[in-house]
Amino acid sequence: MDWRPKKLDVYITKKFMMTFLIALLLIVGIVIIFDISEKIDDFVAKEAPLKAIIFDYYVNFVPYFMNMFSPLFVFITVIFFTSRMAANSEIVAILSCGVSFHRMMVPYMFTALVIAIFSLGLNLWVIPNANADRHAFEAQYTKTKAQTAMRNIHYQINPGQFVYVESFTKWNNTAYKFTLETLEGNEIVSKLSAETAVWDSTFGGWHLNKYFVREYTPGMLEDKVTTGQQMDTVINLTVTDFYRKQNTVQDLPYGELMDLIRVQEMRGDANMQYSLIEKHQRWALPFSAFILTIMGVALSSKKKRGGIGWNLAVGIALSFTYILFLRFSQMFVYAGTLPPWIALWLPNVVFALIAAALYKIAPK
């Protein structure tokens, strides 16, 4: 079988890419119009500068939206132009010339590879930086929920060092009922408690108020106790650790995200599930380009009565099902039912099996 590029490969690749880009521009344009109509009151009320709206928000919003709905764009694209080729008897002509169905898939898969690599690059490096600017704009110029206190926070900040905070209030960056315990092996060495711990960015540490320090001795016979009104301390815990939430990890480039996961794993941080979901989603989403391309060709390569309308309806339904499945799979992580890597890759596995079955049937 000759796998060298031919005019057929260029023809299909060109159709795929051009239709994909046109669909992308049209849908993104429509979404921006709806988003402006929804947020225009906030922009006016908070006097957002036009330059900030364009460059800080929408320029950074477009890559995020494009990548999030890339499965929809890919599937609709493949369904649309392949259905038109089938309606014009081009598919029949290609197969009649001795080109096998598998060989015809080569330009499809090549284009899917280009889209997947582009999507992966956006996921790992471009979108996190864009998200940081977009979230900063949203925090300043759009409606945000009132900040509430966090309660019962446990961290392992270093091997053998544990922090407990009864509550943390964001409006004044203050931790209440602060406790720092140091252990060696299974024995506690010291315990530092304070009524409040206030973050001070000038020296990157905490002001402790009404503190109590107890240093334990072997057998706990002659423990050393120190008390005071104020003390400053620098530990491996900053105020940003209390501000980390679900969308915070979306702002981190891949290297920083992996560093955060290692720190959270060491600390036993409950928020690590958000980081793991983000990590696996960045890798899983680009692979949908291959799966949905195969499904799209298998569904639309046969000429049907009624034109391409039915194929488009099926394509839109299946692509939205994939996106919803990908989002819904995160609930398995939050519920503790599945580990993140299984939950986030499960939609790809399920749809890959469907694609394989459709692809097996399609040549017949």
Protein backbone atom coordinates (compact mmCIF):
# COMPACT_ATOMS: atom_id res chain seq x y z
CA MET A 1 0.00 0.00 0.00
CA ASP A 2 1.41 3.39 -1.03
CA TRP A 3 1.35 5.80 1.95
CA ARG A 4 3.19 8.65 0.21
CA PRO A 5 1.31 11.98 0.06
CA LYS A 6 -0.87 12.38 -3.00
CA LYS A 7 -3.26 14.97 -4.42
CA LEU A 8 -6.04 13.21 -2.53
CA ASP A 9 -4.22 13.81 0.78
CA VAL A 10 -3.74 17.49 0.02
CA TYR A 11 -7.37 17.80 -1.08
CA ILE A 12 -8.84 16.23 2.09
CA THR A 13 -6.38 17.98 4.42
CA LYS A 14 -7.17 21.34 2.85
CA LYS A 15 -10.92 20.75 3.14
CA PHE A 16 -10.54 19.62 6.76
CA MET A 17 -8.43 22.61 7.85
CA MET A 18 -10.39 25.26 5.96
CA THR A 19 -13.76 24.00 7.21
CA PHE A 20 -12.38 23.70 10.75
CA LEU A 21 -11.06 27.28 10.75
CA ILE A 22 -14.27 28.71 9.26
CA ALA A 23 -16.42 26.84 11.82
CA LEU A 24 -14.11 28.05 14.57
CA LEU A 25 -14.33 31.70 13.53
CA LEU A 26 -18.11 31.63 13.10
CA ILE A 27 -18.86 29.96 16.43
CA VAL A 28 -16.31 32.02 18.38
CA GLY A 29 -17.76 35.20 16.87
CA ILE A 30 -21.29 34.21 17.91
CA VAL A 31 -20.15 33.31 21.44
CA ILE A 32 -18.32 36.65 21.85
CA ILE A 33 -21.47 38.54 20.82
CA PHE A 34 -23.56 36.66 23.40
CA ASP A 35 -20.88 37.13 26.06
CA ILE A 36 -20.73 40.88 25.44
CA SER A 37 -24.52 41.14 25.75
CA GLU A 38 -24.36 39.26 29.06
CA LYS A 39 -21.49 41.25 30.61
CA ILE A 40 -22.04 44.72 29.12
CA ASP A 41 -23.76 45.94 32.30
CA ASP A 42 -20.77 44.93 34.42
CA PHE A 43 -18.34 46.56 32.00
CA VAL A 44 -20.27 49.83 32.09
CA ALA A 45 -20.96 49.79 35.84
CA LYS A 46 -17.31 49.17 36.73
CA GLU A 47 -15.95 51.40 33.94
CA ALA A 48 -13.81 48.74 32.33
CA PRO A 49 -11.44 50.29 29.74
CA LEU A 50 -12.07 49.21 26.15
CA LYS A 51 -8.41 48.19 25.78
CA ALA A 52 -8.68 45.90 28.83
CA ILE A 53 -11.95 44.40 27.57
CA ILE A 54 -10.39 43.52 24.22
CA PHE A 55 -6.84 42.51 25.14
CA ASP A 56 -7.10 41.34 28.77
CA TYR A 57 -10.41 39.55 28.46
CA TYR A 58 -11.49 38.58 24.95
CA VAL A 59 -8.04 37.93 23.48
CA ASN A 60 -7.47 35.55 26.41
CA PHE A 61 -11.04 34.19 26.34
CA VAL A 62 -10.85 33.00 22.73
CA PRO A 63 -8.05 30.36 23.20
CA TYR A 64 -9.81 29.00 26.30
CA PHE A 65 -13.16 28.68 24.50
CA MET A 66 -11.61 27.27 21.33
CA ASN A 67 -9.82 24.54 23.22
CA MET A 68 -12.71 23.69 25.54
CA PHE A 69 -15.07 23.09 22.60
CA SER A 70 -12.48 21.76 20.13
CA PRO A 71 -14.18 18.31 20.13
CA LEU A 72 -17.37 19.99 18.92
CA PHE A 73 -15.52 21.92 16.20
CA VAL A 74 -13.62 18.85 14.99
CA PHE A 75 -16.68 16.60 14.87
CA ILE A 76 -18.91 19.12 13.12
CA THR A 77 -16.13 19.86 10.62
CA VAL A 78 -15.57 16.21 9.71
CA ILE A 79 -19.31 15.49 9.52
CA PHE A 80 -19.96 18.56 7.36
CA PHE A 81 -17.33 18.28 4.65
CA THR A 82 -17.31 14.46 4.52
CA SER A 83 -21.10 14.42 4.12
CA ARG A 84 -20.80 16.89 1.26
CA MET A 85 -18.13 14.72 -0.37
CA ALA A 86 -20.41 11.70 0.00
CA ALA A 87 -23.43 13.62 -1.38
CA ASN A 88 -21.35 14.65 -4.40
CA SER A 89 -20.28 11.00 -4.90
CA GLU A 90 -16.64 11.92 -4.23
CA ILE A 91 -16.23 9.17 -1.63
CA VAL A 92 -17.54 6.58 -4.09
CA ALA A 93 -15.16 7.87 -6.77
CA ILE A 94 -12.18 7.70 -4.40
CA LEU A 95 -12.95 4.11 -3.36
CA SER A 96 -13.68 3.11 -6.98
CA CYS A 97 -10.17 4.20 -8.00
CA GLY A 98 -8.66 1.51 -5.81
CA VAL A 99 -8.03 3.64 -2.73
CA SER A 100 -8.96 1.66 0.35
CA PHE A 101 -11.04 3.11 3.16
CA HIS A 102 -8.01 2.82 5.48
CA ARG A 103 -5.82 4.72 3.01
CA MET A 104 -8.45 7.43 2.67
CA MET A 105 -8.25 7.94 6.47
CA VAL A 106 -4.57 8.97 6.33
CA PRO A 107 -5.13 12.70 5.59
CA TYR A 108 -7.94 12.76 8.15
CA MET A 109 -5.66 11.38 10.85
CA PHE A 110 -2.79 13.66 9.82
CA THR A 111 -5.00 16.73 10.20
CA ALA A 112 -6.32 15.38 13.51
CA LEU A 113 -2.70 15.03 14.65
CA VAL A 114 -1.99 18.67 13.77
CA ILE A 115 -5.09 19.81 15.68
CA ALA A 116 -4.20 17.58 18.66
CA ILE A 117 -0.64 18.93 18.88
CA PHE A 118 -1.93 22.50 18.61
CA SER A 119 -4.53 21.83 21.31
CA LEU A 120 -1.93 20.22 23.58
CA GLY A 121 0.38 23.21 23.19
CA LEU A 122 -2.47 25.55 24.08
CA ASN A 123 -3.35 23.41 27.11
CA LEU A 124 0.15 23.15 28.53
CA TRP A 125 1.53 26.65 27.98
CA VAL A 126 -0.65 29.25 26.22
CA ILE A 127 -4.04 28.93 27.93
CA PRO A 128 -2.73 28.96 31.55
CA ASN A 129 -1.10 32.37 31.01
CA ALA A 130 -4.21 33.60 29.19
CA ASN A 131 -6.40 32.34 32.04
CA ALA A 132 -4.36 34.28 34.59
CA ASP A 133 -5.00 37.57 32.78
CA ARG A 134 -8.66 36.70 32.13
CA HIS A 135 -9.35 35.76 35.75
CA ALA A 136 -7.66 38.96 36.95
CA PHE A 137 -9.91 40.98 34.65
CA GLU A 138 -13.02 39.11 35.82
CA ALA A 139 -12.12 39.67 39.46
CA GLN A 140 -11.85 43.40 38.86
CA TYR A 141 -14.61 44.17 36.36
CA THR A 142 -17.26 41.46 36.59
CA LYS A 143 -19.49 40.27 39.38
CA THR A 144 -17.81 37.97 41.86
CA LYS A 145 -19.13 36.02 44.79
CA ALA A 146 -18.46 37.30 48.27
CA GLN A 147 -15.42 35.76 49.87
CA THR A 148 -16.16 33.48 52.80
CA ALA A 149 -14.02 32.09 55.57
CA MET A 150 -12.30 28.73 55.12
CA ARG A 151 -12.51 26.31 58.02
CA ASN A 152 -10.58 23.37 59.48
CA ILE A 153 -7.51 23.54 57.26
CA HIS A 154 -4.78 20.91 57.63
CA TYR A 155 -1.42 21.05 55.83
CA GLN A 156 1.83 19.15 55.98
CA ILE A 157 4.18 21.95 55.01
CA ASN A 158 7.39 19.90 55.33
CA PRO A 159 8.18 16.30 56.26
CA GLY A 160 7.35 16.16 59.95
CA GLN A 161 5.79 19.64 60.08
CA PHE A 162 2.01 20.04 60.25
CA VAL A 163 -0.16 23.17 60.31
CA TYR A 164 -3.72 23.34 61.55
CA VAL A 165 -5.91 26.43 61.17
CA GLU A 166 -9.43 26.57 62.56
CA SER A 167 -10.48 29.28 60.09
CA PHE A 168 -8.95 31.67 57.56
CA THR A 169 -10.54 34.94 56.49
CA LYS A 170 -9.51 36.31 53.12
CA TRP A 171 -10.51 39.94 53.59
CA ASN A 172 -7.78 40.48 56.22
CA ASN A 173 -5.48 37.51 55.42
CA THR A 174 -5.78 36.20 58.97
CA ALA A 175 -5.66 32.61 60.22
CA TYR A 176 -7.43 31.95 63.53
CA LYS A 177 -6.43 29.26 66.07
CA PHE A 178 -3.13 28.62 64.33
CA THR A 179 -1.11 25.53 65.33
CA LEU A 180 2.27 24.31 64.06
CA GLU A 181 3.45 20.88 65.17
CA THR A 182 6.91 19.40 64.54
CA LEU A 183 7.44 15.65 64.73
CA GLU A 184 10.50 13.42 64.55
CA GLY A 185 9.48 9.89 63.73
CA ASN A 186 6.33 9.24 65.72
CA GLU A 187 7.17 11.63 68.55
CA ILE A 188 6.14 15.26 68.78
CA VAL A 189 9.08 17.64 69.28
CA SER A 190 7.40 21.02 69.53
CA LYS A 191 4.02 22.67 69.28
CA LEU A 192 3.45 26.33 68.43
CA SER A 193 -0.02 27.78 68.93
CA ALA A 194 -1.35 31.29 68.37
CA GLU A 195 -4.71 33.01 68.59
CA THR A 196 -4.18 34.59 65.18
CA ALA A 197 -1.59 34.52 62.40
CA VAL A 198 -1.62 37.54 60.08
CA TRP A 199 0.16 37.42 56.73
CA ASP A 200 2.72 40.15 56.07
CA SER A 201 3.90 40.39 52.47
CA THR A 202 6.77 42.75 53.34
CA PHE A 203 8.88 39.92 54.75
CA GLY A 204 6.90 36.95 53.44
CA GLY A 205 5.90 35.60 56.83
CA TRP A 206 3.30 35.57 59.57
CA HIS A 207 2.70 37.79 62.60
CA LEU A 208 1.63 35.52 65.46
CA ASN A 209 -0.47 37.06 68.24
CA LYS A 210 -0.78 35.58 71.75
CA TYR A 211 1.50 32.66 70.97
CA PHE A 212 2.35 29.60 73.06
CA VAL A 213 5.37 27.37 72.35
CA ARG A 214 5.94 24.02 74.00
CA GLU A 215 9.14 22.08 73.32
CA TYR A 216 8.84 18.46 74.39
CA THR A 217 11.67 16.49 75.98
CA PRO A 218 12.07 12.71 76.04
CA GLY A 219 9.61 11.29 78.49
CA MET A 220 7.91 14.72 78.66
CA LEU A 221 9.50 15.38 82.07
CA GLU A 222 10.96 18.85 81.58
CA ASP A 223 9.06 20.48 78.74
CA LYS A 224 10.10 24.04 77.89
CA VAL A 225 7.20 26.46 77.62
CA THR A 226 7.40 29.96 76.09
CA THR A 227 4.58 32.47 75.78
CA GLY A 228 4.31 36.01 74.44
CA GLN A 229 2.10 38.58 72.78
CA GLN A 230 3.73 38.78 69.35
CA MET A 231 6.19 36.77 67.28
CA ASP A 232 7.12 36.71 63.60
CA THR A 233 7.79 33.47 61.77
CA VAL A 234 8.58 32.34 58.23
CA ILE A 235 7.40 28.84 57.29
CA ASN A 236 6.73 26.90 54.11
CA LEU A 237 3.18 28.24 53.96
CA THR A 238 2.12 31.47 52.29
CA VAL A 239 -1.17 33.28 51.89
CA THR A 240 -1.47 32.01 48.30
CA ASP A 241 -1.95 28.49 49.66
CA PHE A 242 -5.24 29.63 51.20
CA TYR A 243 -6.38 31.25 47.95
CA ARG A 244 -5.94 28.17 45.82
CA LYS A 245 -9.28 26.96 44.48
CA GLN A 246 -10.64 25.10 41.50
CA ASN A 247 -9.90 27.73 38.86
CA THR A 248 -6.52 28.72 40.34
CA VAL A 249 -4.84 25.66 38.84
CA GLN A 250 -6.11 26.73 35.42
CA ASP A 251 -3.68 29.65 35.60
CA LEU A 252 -0.54 27.52 36.07
CA PRO A 253 1.74 26.46 33.21
CA TYR A 254 2.35 22.72 33.15
CA GLY A 255 5.69 22.83 35.00
CA GLU A 256 4.24 24.92 37.84
CA LEU A 257 1.17 22.69 37.97
CA MET A 258 3.36 19.60 38.46
CA ASP A 259 5.35 21.39 41.18
CA LEU A 260 2.08 22.26 42.92
CA ILE A 261 0.88 18.65 42.74
CA ARG A 262 4.11 17.44 44.39
CA VAL A 263 3.73 20.00 47.19
CA GLN A 264 0.05 19.20 47.68
CA GLU A 265 0.77 15.48 47.75
CA MET A 266 3.36 16.02 50.46
CA ARG A 267 0.97 18.20 52.44
CA GLY A 268 -2.04 15.95 52.05
CA ASP A 269 -3.92 18.91 50.61
CA ALA A 270 -7.57 18.15 49.83
CA ASN A 271 -7.38 20.63 46.93
CA MET A 272 -4.98 18.31 45.09
CA GLN A 273 -7.97 16.77 43.30
CA TYR A 274 -8.45 20.04 41.40
CA SER A 275 -4.80 19.95 40.30
CA LEU A 276 -4.99 16.31 39.21
CA ILE A 277 -8.20 16.93 37.28
CA GLU A 278 -6.57 19.86 35.49
CA LYS A 279 -3.44 17.82 34.71
CA HIS A 280 -5.26 14.86 33.15
CA GLN A 281 -7.81 17.04 31.36
CA ARG A 282 -5.00 18.93 29.61
CA TRP A 283 -3.72 15.65 28.16
CA ALA A 284 -7.03 13.86 27.58
CA LEU A 285 -8.84 16.60 25.63
CA PRO A 286 -6.43 16.78 22.64
CA PHE A 287 -6.78 13.03 22.01
CA SER A 288 -10.46 13.55 21.28
CA ALA A 289 -9.41 14.92 17.87
CA PHE A 290 -8.43 11.40 16.73
CA ILE A 291 -11.47 9.66 18.22
CA LEU A 292 -14.07 12.11 16.94
CA THR A 293 -12.44 12.29 13.50
CA ILE A 294 -12.78 8.52 13.11
CA MET A 295 -16.38 8.63 14.33
CA GLY A 296 -17.19 11.54 12.02
CA VAL A 297 -15.84 9.82 8.90
CA ALA A 298 -17.52 6.53 9.78
CA LEU A 299 -20.89 8.23 10.24
CA SER A 300 -20.84 10.53 7.21
CA SER A 301 -18.88 8.72 4.48
CA LYS A 302 -22.01 7.01 3.12
CA LYS A 303 -24.44 8.94 0.94
CA LYS A 304 -27.84 9.31 2.62
CA ARG A 305 -31.21 10.59 1.56
CA GLY A 306 -32.04 14.05 2.87
CA GLY A 307 -28.53 15.44 2.49
CA ILE A 308 -26.21 16.34 5.37
CA GLY A 309 -28.85 17.56 7.85
CA TRP A 310 -29.19 14.24 9.67
CA ASN A 311 -25.42 13.76 9.82
CA LEU A 312 -24.95 17.23 11.31
CA ALA A 313 -27.65 16.58 13.92
CA VAL A 314 -25.99 13.31 14.96
CA GLY A 315 -22.57 14.96 14.98
CA ILE A 316 -23.65 17.85 17.20
CA ALA A 317 -25.46 15.46 19.57
CA LEU A 318 -22.46 13.14 19.92
CA SER A 319 -19.91 15.94 20.32
CA PHE A 320 -21.98 17.60 23.05
CA THR A 321 -22.38 14.19 24.68
CA TYR A 322 -18.60 13.83 24.74
CA ILE A 323 -18.09 17.28 26.28
CA LEU A 324 -20.78 16.67 28.92
CA PHE A 325 -19.32 13.23 29.66
CA LEU A 326 -15.88 14.81 30.13
CA ARG A 327 -17.33 17.37 32.55
CA PHE A 328 -19.51 14.85 34.35
CA SER A 329 -16.59 12.48 34.82
CA GLN A 330 -15.06 15.01 37.22
CA MET A 331 -17.90 14.25 39.62
CA PHE A 332 -16.50 10.74 40.04
CA VAL A 333 -13.33 12.35 41.40
CA TYR A 334 -15.16 14.69 43.79
CA ALA A 335 -17.26 11.78 45.06
CA GLY A 336 -14.16 9.66 45.57
CA THR A 337 -15.51 6.96 43.23
CA LEU A 338 -12.65 6.97 40.73
CA PRO A 339 -9.07 8.28 40.73
CA PRO A 340 -8.59 11.37 38.50
CA TRP A 341 -6.61 9.61 35.75
CA ILE A 342 -9.32 7.00 35.24
CA ALA A 343 -12.22 9.46 35.46
CA LEU A 344 -10.72 11.97 32.99
CA TRP A 345 -9.66 9.34 30.46
CA LEU A 346 -12.90 7.35 30.72
CA PRO A 347 -14.77 9.44 28.07
CA ASN A 348 -11.91 8.84 25.61
CA VAL A 349 -11.97 5.10 26.29
CA VAL A 350 -15.75 4.83 25.87
CA PHE A 351 -15.85 6.94 22.70
CA ALA A 352 -12.78 5.14 21.32
CA LEU A 353 -14.68 1.85 21.58
CA ILE A 354 -17.68 3.41 19.82
CA ALA A 355 -15.39 4.83 17.14
CA ALA A 356 -13.72 1.44 16.62
CA ALA A 357 -17.12 -0.25 16.16
CA LEU A 358 -18.31 2.40 13.69
CA TYR A 359 -15.03 2.29 11.79
CA LYS A 360 -15.28 -1.49 11.44
CA ILE A 361 -18.78 -1.19 9.99
CA ALA A 362 -18.13 1.87 7.74
CA PRO A 363 -16.24 0.18 4.83
CA LYS A 364 -19.11 -2.28 4.41
